[in-house]
Amino acid sequence: MLNKVRSIIPLLSYSSHKGNCGKVGVIGGSLEYTGAPYFSAMTALRLGADLSHIFCSKDAGTSIKTYSPDLIVHPVLENSDNFNEKEFDVNLIVNKIEKWFPSLHVLIIGPGLGRTEQTFSTISLLIEKAKESNLPIIIDADGLFLISKKPELIMNYNKAILTPNVIEFSRLVKSVQCDNDILSLSQKMGVGIIQKGKKDLICNGETGFYFFFLFSFHFF
């Protein structure tokens, strides 16, 4: 597996320029949860990506911008409980984010996202647009809650990876009605799965791996 990982890591070169080693988009961040999208975006940078974008709610934008000058923050989502329904235009919000898709190598959906109705309607449309763009998608946290309610959004998209914890995994199993194991879920949904736990399990629907860590690592 390490050889496969090495094969997809860009080689450093004097001819490289910013963006050659990865451009990541994180969709998440709300009034209550500003740390999750920050850690997702910063971890990508610390592991070698060149650029990390965060598409967050207007409530979260200022806080996330103060965490690091290395992040590109777009406060475009609307998920406040006090939003003006008459002014909410899901297509306008989607267009503001979708225009960046050609510049990204991967899209991460869910960290700190929130679960308001307007957020989920926006994310549902963004997932469809990302699939049309053939963009790899990683879905975590509140994004997985949406998928458990609407699994058809991501079914059989082979460039998708879901990263459920124990509770999120059980929701997905119940939603698609399959056996309670990672291989069955991966095959049923037609996507890659990383099941987080004491042993992290990874499955692409055909083969699986596991990793065991004694400690939780944080990137600051």
N, C-alpha and C. Protein backbone atom coordinates (compact mmCIF):
# COMPACT_ATOMS: atom_id res chain seq x y z
N MET A 1 0.82 -1.20 0.00
CA MET A 1 0.00 0.00 0.00
C MET A 1 0.86 1.26 0.00
N LEU A 2 1.99 1.21 0.72
CA LEU A 2 2.87 2.39 0.76
C LEU A 2 3.38 2.74 -0.63
N ASN A 3 3.64 1.73 -1.45
CA ASN A 3 4.09 2.00 -2.82
C ASN A 3 3.01 2.71 -3.62
N LYS A 4 1.74 2.33 -3.39
CA LYS A 4 0.64 3.01 -4.08
C LYS A 4 0.54 4.47 -3.64
N VAL A 5 0.74 4.70 -2.34
CA VAL A 5 0.70 6.07 -1.83
C VAL A 5 1.83 6.90 -2.43
N ARG A 6 3.02 6.31 -2.46
CA ARG A 6 4.17 7.03 -3.02
C ARG A 6 3.93 7.40 -4.49
N SER A 7 3.22 6.54 -5.21
CA SER A 7 3.03 6.78 -6.64
C SER A 7 2.14 7.98 -6.94
N ILE A 8 1.34 8.41 -5.96
CA ILE A 8 0.44 9.54 -6.23
C ILE A 8 0.93 10.84 -5.59
N ILE A 9 2.06 10.77 -4.88
CA ILE A 9 2.61 11.99 -4.27
C ILE A 9 3.48 12.70 -5.30
N PRO A 10 3.19 13.97 -5.61
CA PRO A 10 3.99 14.70 -6.62
C PRO A 10 5.44 14.83 -6.17
N LEU A 11 6.36 14.67 -7.11
CA LEU A 11 7.77 14.85 -6.82
C LEU A 11 8.11 16.32 -6.77
N LEU A 12 8.92 16.70 -5.78
CA LEU A 12 9.36 18.09 -5.68
C LEU A 12 10.38 18.37 -6.78
N SER A 13 10.25 19.54 -7.39
CA SER A 13 11.13 19.90 -8.50
C SER A 13 11.32 21.41 -8.53
N TYR A 14 12.49 21.85 -9.02
CA TYR A 14 12.74 23.28 -9.13
C TYR A 14 11.84 23.92 -10.19
N SER A 15 11.25 23.10 -11.04
CA SER A 15 10.36 23.64 -12.06
C SER A 15 8.91 23.72 -11.58
N SER A 16 8.64 23.21 -10.36
CA SER A 16 7.29 23.24 -9.83
C SER A 16 6.89 24.65 -9.43
N HIS A 17 5.59 24.89 -9.40
CA HIS A 17 5.08 26.17 -8.92
C HIS A 17 3.92 25.92 -7.97
N LYS A 18 3.49 26.97 -7.28
CA LYS A 18 2.43 26.82 -6.29
C LYS A 18 1.19 26.22 -6.92
N GLY A 19 0.71 25.14 -6.33
CA GLY A 19 -0.47 24.45 -6.84
C GLY A 19 -0.17 23.09 -7.42
N ASN A 20 1.09 22.87 -7.85
CA ASN A 20 1.45 21.58 -8.44
C ASN A 20 1.33 20.42 -7.45
N CYS A 21 1.50 20.70 -6.17
CA CYS A 21 1.48 19.63 -5.16
C CYS A 21 0.14 19.52 -4.44
N GLY A 22 -0.87 20.12 -4.99
CA GLY A 22 -2.19 19.89 -4.43
C GLY A 22 -2.94 21.14 -4.02
N LYS A 23 -4.19 21.23 -4.45
CA LYS A 23 -5.09 22.32 -4.07
C LYS A 23 -6.36 21.70 -3.51
N VAL A 24 -6.63 22.00 -2.24
CA VAL A 24 -7.69 21.34 -1.49
C VAL A 24 -8.80 22.33 -1.18
N GLY A 25 -10.04 21.87 -1.32
CA GLY A 25 -11.19 22.68 -0.93
C GLY A 25 -11.93 22.02 0.22
N VAL A 26 -12.17 22.75 1.30
CA VAL A 26 -12.92 22.24 2.46
C VAL A 26 -14.23 23.00 2.55
N ILE A 27 -15.34 22.29 2.52
CA ILE A 27 -16.65 22.93 2.70
C ILE A 27 -17.15 22.59 4.09
N GLY A 28 -17.13 23.58 4.97
CA GLY A 28 -17.53 23.36 6.35
C GLY A 28 -17.23 24.59 7.18
N GLY A 29 -17.70 24.57 8.40
CA GLY A 29 -17.50 25.69 9.29
C GLY A 29 -18.79 26.47 9.50
N SER A 30 -19.21 26.56 10.74
CA SER A 30 -20.44 27.25 11.09
C SER A 30 -20.18 28.07 12.36
N LEU A 31 -21.20 28.73 12.85
CA LEU A 31 -21.04 29.59 14.03
C LEU A 31 -20.47 28.82 15.21
N GLU A 32 -20.97 27.61 15.45
CA GLU A 32 -20.53 26.82 16.59
C GLU A 32 -19.23 26.08 16.35
N TYR A 33 -18.94 25.73 15.10
CA TYR A 33 -17.81 24.85 14.80
C TYR A 33 -16.88 25.48 13.77
N THR A 34 -15.83 26.12 14.28
CA THR A 34 -14.84 26.74 13.38
C THR A 34 -13.52 25.97 13.36
N GLY A 35 -13.30 25.11 14.36
CA GLY A 35 -12.02 24.40 14.43
C GLY A 35 -11.89 23.27 13.44
N ALA A 36 -12.99 22.53 13.21
CA ALA A 36 -12.92 21.34 12.34
C ALA A 36 -12.44 21.66 10.92
N PRO A 37 -13.01 22.66 10.24
CA PRO A 37 -12.51 22.95 8.89
C PRO A 37 -11.08 23.47 8.90
N TYR A 38 -10.73 24.20 9.97
CA TYR A 38 -9.35 24.69 10.09
C TYR A 38 -8.37 23.53 10.15
N PHE A 39 -8.64 22.54 11.02
CA PHE A 39 -7.72 21.41 11.14
C PHE A 39 -7.66 20.60 9.85
N SER A 40 -8.77 20.46 9.15
CA SER A 40 -8.77 19.72 7.88
C SER A 40 -7.88 20.42 6.86
N ALA A 41 -8.06 21.73 6.75
CA ALA A 41 -7.30 22.50 5.76
C ALA A 41 -5.82 22.59 6.12
N MET A 42 -5.52 22.80 7.40
CA MET A 42 -4.13 22.93 7.82
C MET A 42 -3.39 21.60 7.75
N THR A 43 -4.09 20.50 8.06
CA THR A 43 -3.46 19.19 7.95
C THR A 43 -3.04 18.92 6.51
N ALA A 44 -3.89 19.32 5.56
CA ALA A 44 -3.55 19.15 4.15
C ALA A 44 -2.27 19.93 3.82
N LEU A 45 -2.16 21.16 4.33
CA LEU A 45 -0.96 21.95 4.08
C LEU A 45 0.27 21.32 4.73
N ARG A 46 0.11 20.87 5.97
CA ARG A 46 1.25 20.29 6.69
C ARG A 46 1.73 18.99 6.05
N LEU A 47 0.85 18.32 5.34
CA LEU A 47 1.23 17.06 4.69
C LEU A 47 1.69 17.27 3.25
N GLY A 48 1.78 18.54 2.81
CA GLY A 48 2.40 18.80 1.52
C GLY A 48 1.58 19.52 0.49
N ALA A 49 0.27 19.68 0.70
CA ALA A 49 -0.54 20.42 -0.27
C ALA A 49 -0.09 21.87 -0.33
N ASP A 50 -0.26 22.50 -1.48
CA ASP A 50 0.18 23.89 -1.65
C ASP A 50 -0.86 24.91 -1.20
N LEU A 51 -2.13 24.62 -1.48
CA LEU A 51 -3.18 25.60 -1.20
C LEU A 51 -4.38 24.92 -0.55
N SER A 52 -4.94 25.57 0.45
CA SER A 52 -6.16 25.07 1.09
C SER A 52 -7.20 26.18 1.15
N HIS A 53 -8.35 25.89 0.55
CA HIS A 53 -9.48 26.81 0.58
C HIS A 53 -10.50 26.30 1.59
N ILE A 54 -11.14 27.20 2.33
CA ILE A 54 -12.26 26.85 3.19
C ILE A 54 -13.48 27.65 2.75
N PHE A 55 -14.55 26.93 2.42
CA PHE A 55 -15.82 27.56 2.07
C PHE A 55 -16.74 27.37 3.27
N CYS A 56 -16.95 28.44 4.02
CA CYS A 56 -17.64 28.33 5.31
C CYS A 56 -18.83 29.28 5.37
N SER A 57 -19.51 29.26 6.51
CA SER A 57 -20.63 30.17 6.70
C SER A 57 -20.11 31.58 6.97
N LYS A 58 -20.98 32.54 6.76
CA LYS A 58 -20.62 33.93 7.03
C LYS A 58 -20.29 34.12 8.51
N ASP A 59 -20.96 33.36 9.36
CA ASP A 59 -20.73 33.46 10.81
C ASP A 59 -19.34 32.98 11.21
N ALA A 60 -18.76 32.06 10.43
CA ALA A 60 -17.50 31.43 10.81
C ALA A 60 -16.28 32.07 10.15
N GLY A 61 -16.50 32.84 9.10
CA GLY A 61 -15.39 33.32 8.29
C GLY A 61 -14.34 34.12 9.05
N THR A 62 -14.76 35.09 9.84
CA THR A 62 -13.81 35.94 10.55
C THR A 62 -12.96 35.14 11.53
N SER A 63 -13.59 34.24 12.28
CA SER A 63 -12.84 33.43 13.24
C SER A 63 -11.80 32.57 12.53
N ILE A 64 -12.18 31.90 11.47
CA ILE A 64 -11.25 31.00 10.77
C ILE A 64 -10.10 31.79 10.16
N LYS A 65 -10.38 32.98 9.66
CA LYS A 65 -9.31 33.79 9.08
C LYS A 65 -8.25 34.16 10.11
N THR A 66 -8.66 34.31 11.37
CA THR A 66 -7.68 34.69 12.40
C THR A 66 -6.81 33.52 12.84
N TYR A 67 -7.20 32.29 12.50
CA TYR A 67 -6.43 31.13 12.93
C TYR A 67 -5.10 31.01 12.19
N SER A 68 -5.11 31.34 10.90
CA SER A 68 -3.89 31.20 10.10
C SER A 68 -3.97 32.06 8.85
N PRO A 69 -2.89 32.76 8.51
CA PRO A 69 -2.85 33.51 7.26
C PRO A 69 -2.61 32.62 6.04
N ASP A 70 -2.35 31.33 6.28
CA ASP A 70 -2.05 30.41 5.18
C ASP A 70 -3.30 29.93 4.46
N LEU A 71 -4.47 30.12 5.07
CA LEU A 71 -5.71 29.59 4.51
C LEU A 71 -6.42 30.64 3.65
N ILE A 72 -7.09 30.15 2.61
CA ILE A 72 -7.91 31.01 1.75
C ILE A 72 -9.36 30.77 2.16
N VAL A 73 -9.99 31.76 2.76
CA VAL A 73 -11.30 31.59 3.38
C VAL A 73 -12.38 32.31 2.58
N HIS A 74 -13.44 31.56 2.26
CA HIS A 74 -14.57 32.10 1.50
C HIS A 74 -15.83 31.98 2.36
N PRO A 75 -16.27 33.03 3.04
CA PRO A 75 -17.47 32.95 3.89
C PRO A 75 -18.75 33.13 3.07
N VAL A 76 -19.15 32.07 2.39
CA VAL A 76 -20.26 32.16 1.44
C VAL A 76 -21.48 31.33 1.82
N LEU A 77 -21.33 30.36 2.73
CA LEU A 77 -22.47 29.53 3.10
C LEU A 77 -23.43 30.30 4.01
N GLU A 78 -24.68 29.92 3.96
CA GLU A 78 -25.71 30.53 4.81
C GLU A 78 -26.32 29.45 5.67
N ASN A 79 -25.95 29.43 6.95
CA ASN A 79 -26.54 28.41 7.83
C ASN A 79 -26.89 28.97 9.20
N SER A 80 -27.07 30.27 9.27
CA SER A 80 -27.49 30.89 10.52
C SER A 80 -28.97 30.64 10.77
N ASP A 81 -29.35 30.49 12.02
CA ASP A 81 -30.76 30.33 12.36
C ASP A 81 -31.55 31.61 12.09
N ASN A 82 -30.83 32.72 11.95
CA ASN A 82 -31.50 34.01 11.75
C ASN A 82 -31.44 34.50 10.31
N PHE A 83 -31.20 33.59 9.36
CA PHE A 83 -31.06 34.01 7.98
C PHE A 83 -32.41 34.47 7.42
N ASN A 84 -32.32 35.29 6.39
CA ASN A 84 -33.52 35.80 5.72
C ASN A 84 -33.90 34.85 4.58
N GLU A 85 -34.97 34.11 4.77
CA GLU A 85 -35.37 33.10 3.78
C GLU A 85 -35.64 33.71 2.41
N LYS A 86 -36.17 34.94 2.38
CA LYS A 86 -36.49 35.58 1.11
C LYS A 86 -35.22 35.91 0.32
N GLU A 87 -34.12 36.11 1.04
CA GLU A 87 -32.86 36.46 0.38
C GLU A 87 -31.98 35.24 0.10
N PHE A 88 -32.40 34.07 0.58
CA PHE A 88 -31.59 32.86 0.40
C PHE A 88 -31.71 32.36 -1.04
N ASP A 89 -30.58 32.31 -1.73
CA ASP A 89 -30.53 31.87 -3.12
C ASP A 89 -29.50 30.74 -3.23
N VAL A 90 -29.97 29.50 -3.19
CA VAL A 90 -29.06 28.37 -3.17
C VAL A 90 -28.20 28.32 -4.43
N ASN A 91 -28.76 28.68 -5.57
CA ASN A 91 -28.00 28.63 -6.82
C ASN A 91 -26.87 29.66 -6.82
N LEU A 92 -27.12 30.81 -6.23
CA LEU A 92 -26.08 31.84 -6.15
C LEU A 92 -24.92 31.36 -5.29
N ILE A 93 -25.23 30.73 -4.16
CA ILE A 93 -24.18 30.22 -3.28
C ILE A 93 -23.40 29.11 -3.97
N VAL A 94 -24.11 28.19 -4.61
CA VAL A 94 -23.45 27.09 -5.32
C VAL A 94 -22.54 27.62 -6.41
N ASN A 95 -22.98 28.61 -7.13
CA ASN A 95 -22.15 29.19 -8.20
C ASN A 95 -20.87 29.80 -7.65
N LYS A 96 -20.95 30.42 -6.47
CA LYS A 96 -19.76 31.04 -5.87
C LYS A 96 -18.71 30.00 -5.51
N ILE A 97 -19.16 28.80 -5.16
CA ILE A 97 -18.22 27.73 -4.79
C ILE A 97 -17.82 26.92 -6.02
N GLU A 98 -18.77 26.62 -6.88
CA GLU A 98 -18.51 25.77 -8.05
C GLU A 98 -17.46 26.39 -8.97
N LYS A 99 -17.40 27.70 -9.04
CA LYS A 99 -16.43 28.33 -9.94
C LYS A 99 -14.98 28.01 -9.58
N TRP A 100 -14.77 27.54 -8.33
CA TRP A 100 -13.43 27.17 -7.91
C TRP A 100 -13.09 25.71 -8.22
N PHE A 101 -14.07 24.91 -8.60
CA PHE A 101 -13.83 23.48 -8.81
C PHE A 101 -12.71 23.19 -9.82
N PRO A 102 -12.62 23.92 -10.94
CA PRO A 102 -11.53 23.62 -11.88
C PRO A 102 -10.14 23.85 -11.28
N SER A 103 -10.07 24.61 -10.18
CA SER A 103 -8.78 24.91 -9.56
C SER A 103 -8.42 23.93 -8.45
N LEU A 104 -9.33 23.02 -8.11
CA LEU A 104 -9.12 22.12 -6.98
C LEU A 104 -8.79 20.70 -7.44
N HIS A 105 -8.05 19.98 -6.60
CA HIS A 105 -7.76 18.58 -6.85
C HIS A 105 -8.66 17.65 -6.04
N VAL A 106 -9.21 18.15 -4.94
CA VAL A 106 -10.08 17.33 -4.09
C VAL A 106 -10.98 18.24 -3.28
N LEU A 107 -12.16 17.72 -2.94
CA LEU A 107 -13.14 18.46 -2.16
C LEU A 107 -13.46 17.68 -0.89
N ILE A 108 -13.35 18.34 0.26
CA ILE A 108 -13.67 17.75 1.55
C ILE A 108 -14.95 18.40 2.05
N ILE A 109 -15.97 17.60 2.34
CA ILE A 109 -17.27 18.13 2.71
C ILE A 109 -17.68 17.64 4.09
N GLY A 110 -17.96 18.58 4.99
CA GLY A 110 -18.57 18.17 6.25
C GLY A 110 -18.00 18.70 7.55
N PRO A 111 -16.69 18.96 7.68
CA PRO A 111 -16.16 19.36 9.00
C PRO A 111 -16.79 20.65 9.52
N GLY A 112 -17.50 20.56 10.63
CA GLY A 112 -18.12 21.74 11.22
C GLY A 112 -19.22 22.35 10.40
N LEU A 113 -19.82 21.58 9.53
CA LEU A 113 -20.75 22.12 8.54
C LEU A 113 -22.05 22.64 9.15
N GLY A 114 -22.58 21.94 10.13
CA GLY A 114 -23.91 22.26 10.65
C GLY A 114 -24.98 21.48 9.88
N ARG A 115 -26.20 21.48 10.42
CA ARG A 115 -27.24 20.63 9.84
C ARG A 115 -28.51 21.39 9.51
N THR A 116 -28.41 22.66 9.21
CA THR A 116 -29.61 23.41 8.88
C THR A 116 -30.13 22.99 7.50
N GLU A 117 -31.40 23.24 7.29
CA GLU A 117 -32.03 22.84 6.02
C GLU A 117 -31.38 23.53 4.83
N GLN A 118 -31.08 24.82 4.99
CA GLN A 118 -30.47 25.55 3.86
C GLN A 118 -29.05 25.07 3.57
N THR A 119 -28.33 24.63 4.62
CA THR A 119 -27.00 24.08 4.39
C THR A 119 -27.07 22.78 3.60
N PHE A 120 -27.95 21.88 4.01
CA PHE A 120 -28.05 20.59 3.34
C PHE A 120 -28.57 20.73 1.91
N SER A 121 -29.43 21.69 1.63
CA SER A 121 -29.88 21.89 0.25
C SER A 121 -28.73 22.38 -0.61
N THR A 122 -27.87 23.22 -0.02
CA THR A 122 -26.70 23.71 -0.75
C THR A 122 -25.70 22.59 -1.01
N ILE A 123 -25.43 21.78 0.01
CA ILE A 123 -24.45 20.71 -0.13
C ILE A 123 -24.94 19.65 -1.10
N SER A 124 -26.22 19.35 -1.08
CA SER A 124 -26.76 18.36 -2.02
C SER A 124 -26.48 18.77 -3.46
N LEU A 125 -26.70 20.04 -3.75
CA LEU A 125 -26.46 20.53 -5.10
C LEU A 125 -24.97 20.57 -5.42
N LEU A 126 -24.15 20.92 -4.44
CA LEU A 126 -22.70 20.97 -4.66
C LEU A 126 -22.13 19.59 -4.94
N ILE A 127 -22.65 18.56 -4.28
CA ILE A 127 -22.18 17.20 -4.55
C ILE A 127 -22.48 16.81 -5.99
N GLU A 128 -23.67 17.16 -6.46
CA GLU A 128 -24.02 16.86 -7.86
C GLU A 128 -23.08 17.59 -8.81
N LYS A 129 -22.78 18.84 -8.52
CA LYS A 129 -21.88 19.62 -9.37
C LYS A 129 -20.46 19.05 -9.34
N ALA A 130 -20.01 18.61 -8.16
CA ALA A 130 -18.67 18.04 -8.04
C ALA A 130 -18.56 16.75 -8.84
N LYS A 131 -19.62 15.95 -8.82
CA LYS A 131 -19.61 14.71 -9.61
C LYS A 131 -19.58 15.04 -11.10
N GLU A 132 -20.30 16.05 -11.52
CA GLU A 132 -20.27 16.45 -12.92
C GLU A 132 -18.87 16.90 -13.34
N SER A 133 -18.13 17.46 -12.38
CA SER A 133 -16.75 17.92 -12.64
C SER A 133 -15.73 16.81 -12.46
N ASN A 134 -16.20 15.60 -12.10
CA ASN A 134 -15.31 14.44 -11.88
C ASN A 134 -14.28 14.73 -10.79
N LEU A 135 -14.71 15.46 -9.77
CA LEU A 135 -13.81 15.89 -8.70
C LEU A 135 -13.84 14.87 -7.56
N PRO A 136 -12.70 14.41 -7.09
CA PRO A 136 -12.69 13.51 -5.93
C PRO A 136 -13.32 14.19 -4.71
N ILE A 137 -14.10 13.43 -3.95
CA ILE A 137 -14.83 13.98 -2.81
C ILE A 137 -14.56 13.13 -1.58
N ILE A 138 -14.25 13.78 -0.46
CA ILE A 138 -14.15 13.13 0.84
C ILE A 138 -15.26 13.71 1.71
N ILE A 139 -16.06 12.84 2.32
CA ILE A 139 -17.19 13.31 3.13
C ILE A 139 -17.04 12.83 4.56
N ASP A 140 -17.18 13.79 5.49
CA ASP A 140 -16.98 13.51 6.90
C ASP A 140 -18.06 14.24 7.72
N ALA A 141 -18.16 13.88 8.99
CA ALA A 141 -18.94 14.64 9.97
C ALA A 141 -20.37 14.91 9.51
N ASP A 142 -20.79 16.19 9.52
CA ASP A 142 -22.17 16.52 9.16
C ASP A 142 -22.49 16.17 7.71
N GLY A 143 -21.47 16.10 6.88
CA GLY A 143 -21.69 15.65 5.51
C GLY A 143 -22.18 14.20 5.48
N LEU A 144 -21.68 13.39 6.40
CA LEU A 144 -22.12 11.99 6.50
C LEU A 144 -23.55 11.89 7.02
N PHE A 145 -23.93 12.84 7.87
CA PHE A 145 -25.32 12.85 8.35
C PHE A 145 -26.27 13.07 7.17
N LEU A 146 -25.89 13.99 6.27
CA LEU A 146 -26.68 14.22 5.06
C LEU A 146 -26.73 12.96 4.20
N ILE A 147 -25.59 12.29 4.01
CA ILE A 147 -25.54 11.08 3.18
C ILE A 147 -26.39 9.97 3.79
N SER A 148 -26.45 9.90 5.11
CA SER A 148 -27.28 8.87 5.74
C SER A 148 -28.76 9.11 5.46
N LYS A 149 -29.12 10.36 5.21
CA LYS A 149 -30.50 10.69 4.87
C LYS A 149 -30.77 10.58 3.37
N LYS A 150 -29.73 10.83 2.57
CA LYS A 150 -29.87 10.81 1.11
C LYS A 150 -28.68 10.08 0.48
N PRO A 151 -28.57 8.77 0.70
CA PRO A 151 -27.40 8.03 0.19
C PRO A 151 -27.27 8.06 -1.32
N GLU A 152 -28.38 8.29 -2.02
CA GLU A 152 -28.33 8.33 -3.48
C GLU A 152 -27.45 9.46 -4.01
N LEU A 153 -27.16 10.44 -3.17
CA LEU A 153 -26.30 11.55 -3.60
C LEU A 153 -24.91 11.08 -4.01
N ILE A 154 -24.42 10.03 -3.35
CA ILE A 154 -23.04 9.62 -3.57
C ILE A 154 -22.91 8.18 -4.05
N MET A 155 -24.02 7.47 -4.17
CA MET A 155 -24.00 6.06 -4.57
C MET A 155 -23.23 5.86 -5.88
N ASN A 156 -22.31 4.89 -5.86
CA ASN A 156 -21.57 4.46 -7.05
C ASN A 156 -20.72 5.55 -7.69
N TYR A 157 -20.36 6.57 -6.91
CA TYR A 157 -19.39 7.55 -7.41
C TYR A 157 -18.02 7.08 -6.94
N ASN A 158 -17.24 6.54 -7.86
CA ASN A 158 -16.01 5.85 -7.46
C ASN A 158 -14.86 6.78 -7.09
N LYS A 159 -15.11 8.08 -7.11
CA LYS A 159 -14.11 9.04 -6.64
C LYS A 159 -14.51 9.63 -5.28
N ALA A 160 -15.37 8.93 -4.57
CA ALA A 160 -15.82 9.38 -3.26
C ALA A 160 -15.26 8.48 -2.16
N ILE A 161 -14.91 9.10 -1.04
CA ILE A 161 -14.48 8.37 0.16
C ILE A 161 -15.28 8.92 1.33
N LEU A 162 -15.90 8.01 2.08
CA LEU A 162 -16.62 8.37 3.30
C LEU A 162 -15.77 7.99 4.50
N THR A 163 -15.78 8.83 5.55
CA THR A 163 -14.89 8.60 6.70
C THR A 163 -15.68 8.55 8.01
N PRO A 164 -16.55 7.56 8.19
CA PRO A 164 -17.42 7.53 9.36
C PRO A 164 -16.73 7.04 10.64
N ASN A 165 -17.17 7.61 11.78
CA ASN A 165 -16.82 7.02 13.07
C ASN A 165 -17.86 5.94 13.38
N VAL A 166 -17.88 5.43 14.60
CA VAL A 166 -18.75 4.30 14.93
C VAL A 166 -20.23 4.66 14.73
N ILE A 167 -20.65 5.80 15.25
CA ILE A 167 -22.05 6.19 15.15
C ILE A 167 -22.44 6.49 13.71
N GLU A 168 -21.57 7.21 13.01
CA GLU A 168 -21.85 7.54 11.61
C GLU A 168 -21.91 6.29 10.75
N PHE A 169 -21.04 5.32 11.05
CA PHE A 169 -21.03 4.06 10.31
C PHE A 169 -22.37 3.33 10.48
N SER A 170 -22.87 3.28 11.72
CA SER A 170 -24.13 2.58 11.97
C SER A 170 -25.29 3.27 11.26
N ARG A 171 -25.25 4.60 11.17
CA ARG A 171 -26.30 5.33 10.44
C ARG A 171 -26.29 4.95 8.96
N LEU A 172 -25.10 4.87 8.39
CA LEU A 172 -25.00 4.54 6.97
C LEU A 172 -25.47 3.11 6.69
N VAL A 173 -25.07 2.18 7.56
CA VAL A 173 -25.49 0.77 7.41
C VAL A 173 -27.02 0.67 7.46
N LYS A 174 -27.61 1.37 8.41
CA LYS A 174 -29.07 1.36 8.54
C LYS A 174 -29.74 1.99 7.33
N SER A 175 -29.13 3.05 6.81
CA SER A 175 -29.71 3.76 5.69
C SER A 175 -29.77 2.92 4.42
N VAL A 176 -28.68 2.19 4.13
CA VAL A 176 -28.62 1.42 2.88
C VAL A 176 -28.98 -0.05 3.09
N GLN A 177 -29.20 -0.43 4.36
CA GLN A 177 -29.65 -1.79 4.71
C GLN A 177 -28.68 -2.86 4.20
N CYS A 178 -27.47 -2.83 4.76
CA CYS A 178 -26.47 -3.85 4.41
C CYS A 178 -25.92 -4.45 5.70
N ASP A 179 -25.06 -5.46 5.57
CA ASP A 179 -24.43 -6.06 6.74
C ASP A 179 -23.54 -5.03 7.43
N ASN A 180 -23.34 -5.23 8.73
CA ASN A 180 -22.62 -4.27 9.54
C ASN A 180 -21.10 -4.50 9.48
N ASP A 181 -20.53 -4.41 8.28
CA ASP A 181 -19.09 -4.50 8.11
C ASP A 181 -18.67 -3.61 6.96
N ILE A 182 -17.42 -3.20 6.96
CA ILE A 182 -16.94 -2.18 6.03
C ILE A 182 -17.00 -2.65 4.58
N LEU A 183 -16.71 -3.93 4.33
CA LEU A 183 -16.75 -4.42 2.95
C LEU A 183 -18.17 -4.36 2.40
N SER A 184 -19.15 -4.79 3.20
CA SER A 184 -20.54 -4.77 2.75
C SER A 184 -21.01 -3.35 2.46
N LEU A 185 -20.64 -2.42 3.33
CA LEU A 185 -21.06 -1.03 3.13
C LEU A 185 -20.40 -0.42 1.90
N SER A 186 -19.12 -0.68 1.73
CA SER A 186 -18.40 -0.15 0.57
C SER A 186 -18.98 -0.70 -0.73
N GLN A 187 -19.27 -1.98 -0.75
CA GLN A 187 -19.84 -2.59 -1.95
C GLN A 187 -21.27 -2.10 -2.22
N LYS A 188 -22.05 -1.95 -1.16
CA LYS A 188 -23.43 -1.51 -1.32
C LYS A 188 -23.51 -0.09 -1.84
N MET A 189 -22.62 0.78 -1.35
CA MET A 189 -22.67 2.19 -1.73
C MET A 189 -21.83 2.49 -2.96
N GLY A 190 -20.87 1.62 -3.27
CA GLY A 190 -20.03 1.85 -4.44
C GLY A 190 -19.03 2.97 -4.25
N VAL A 191 -18.56 3.14 -3.00
CA VAL A 191 -17.59 4.19 -2.69
C VAL A 191 -16.51 3.62 -1.77
N GLY A 192 -15.43 4.37 -1.59
CA GLY A 192 -14.41 3.98 -0.63
C GLY A 192 -14.85 4.35 0.78
N ILE A 193 -14.41 3.56 1.75
CA ILE A 193 -14.77 3.82 3.14
C ILE A 193 -13.51 3.79 4.00
N ILE A 194 -13.37 4.78 4.87
CA ILE A 194 -12.38 4.74 5.95
C ILE A 194 -13.16 4.75 7.25
N GLN A 195 -13.20 3.61 7.92
CA GLN A 195 -13.96 3.47 9.16
C GLN A 195 -13.02 3.79 10.33
N LYS A 196 -13.30 4.88 11.02
CA LYS A 196 -12.42 5.34 12.09
C LYS A 196 -12.75 4.62 13.41
N GLY A 197 -11.70 4.29 14.14
CA GLY A 197 -11.88 3.59 15.40
C GLY A 197 -10.53 3.29 16.02
N LYS A 198 -10.49 2.35 16.97
CA LYS A 198 -9.22 1.94 17.56
C LYS A 198 -8.28 1.45 16.47
N LYS A 199 -8.84 0.70 15.53
CA LYS A 199 -8.15 0.34 14.30
C LYS A 199 -8.89 1.02 13.15
N ASP A 200 -8.20 1.85 12.40
CA ASP A 200 -8.82 2.48 11.24
C ASP A 200 -8.85 1.49 10.09
N LEU A 201 -10.03 1.22 9.57
CA LEU A 201 -10.21 0.27 8.48
C LEU A 201 -10.42 1.02 7.17
N ILE A 202 -9.80 0.55 6.12
CA ILE A 202 -9.89 1.18 4.80
C ILE A 202 -10.32 0.13 3.79
N CYS A 203 -11.34 0.47 2.99
CA CYS A 203 -11.85 -0.50 2.02
C CYS A 203 -12.31 0.21 0.75
N ASN A 204 -11.99 -0.38 -0.39
CA ASN A 204 -12.43 0.17 -1.68
C ASN A 204 -13.51 -0.69 -2.33
N GLY A 205 -14.09 -1.62 -1.56
CA GLY A 205 -15.12 -2.50 -2.10
C GLY A 205 -14.58 -3.83 -2.57
N GLU A 206 -13.25 -3.93 -2.67
CA GLU A 206 -12.62 -5.17 -3.11
C GLU A 206 -11.62 -5.68 -2.07
N THR A 207 -10.73 -4.80 -1.65
CA THR A 207 -9.72 -5.18 -0.67
C THR A 207 -9.76 -4.18 0.48
N GLY A 208 -9.12 -4.55 1.60
CA GLY A 208 -9.13 -3.68 2.77
C GLY A 208 -7.79 -3.69 3.48
N PHE A 209 -7.56 -2.64 4.27
CA PHE A 209 -6.37 -2.51 5.09
C PHE A 209 -6.80 -2.01 6.45
N TYR A 210 -5.92 -2.10 7.43
CA TYR A 210 -6.21 -1.45 8.69
C TYR A 210 -4.93 -0.83 9.25
N PHE A 211 -5.13 0.25 10.01
CA PHE A 211 -4.02 0.93 10.67
C PHE A 211 -4.35 1.05 12.14
N PHE A 212 -3.33 0.91 12.98
CA PHE A 212 -3.53 1.00 14.42
C PHE A 212 -2.58 2.05 14.97
N PHE A 213 -3.15 3.09 15.60
CA PHE A 213 -2.35 4.15 16.20
C PHE A 213 -2.59 4.18 17.70
N LEU A 214 -1.52 4.34 18.47
CA LEU A 214 -1.66 4.42 19.91
C LEU A 214 -2.04 5.82 20.36
N PHE A 215 -1.74 6.81 19.53
CA PHE A 215 -1.99 8.19 19.91
C PHE A 215 -2.77 8.91 18.82
N SER A 216 -3.40 9.99 19.21
CA SER A 216 -4.06 10.87 18.26
C SER A 216 -3.12 12.03 17.98
N PHE A 217 -2.87 12.28 16.70
CA PHE A 217 -1.93 13.33 16.34
C PHE A 217 -2.69 14.59 15.92
N HIS A 218 -2.27 15.73 16.39
CA HIS A 218 -2.87 17.01 16.03
C HIS A 218 -1.82 17.87 15.34
N PHE A 219 -2.27 18.63 14.36
CA PHE A 219 -1.37 19.52 13.63
C PHE A 219 -1.72 20.95 13.99
N PHE A 220 -0.72 21.70 14.40
CA PHE A 220 -0.95 23.09 14.79
C PHE A 220 -0.12 24.02 13.90
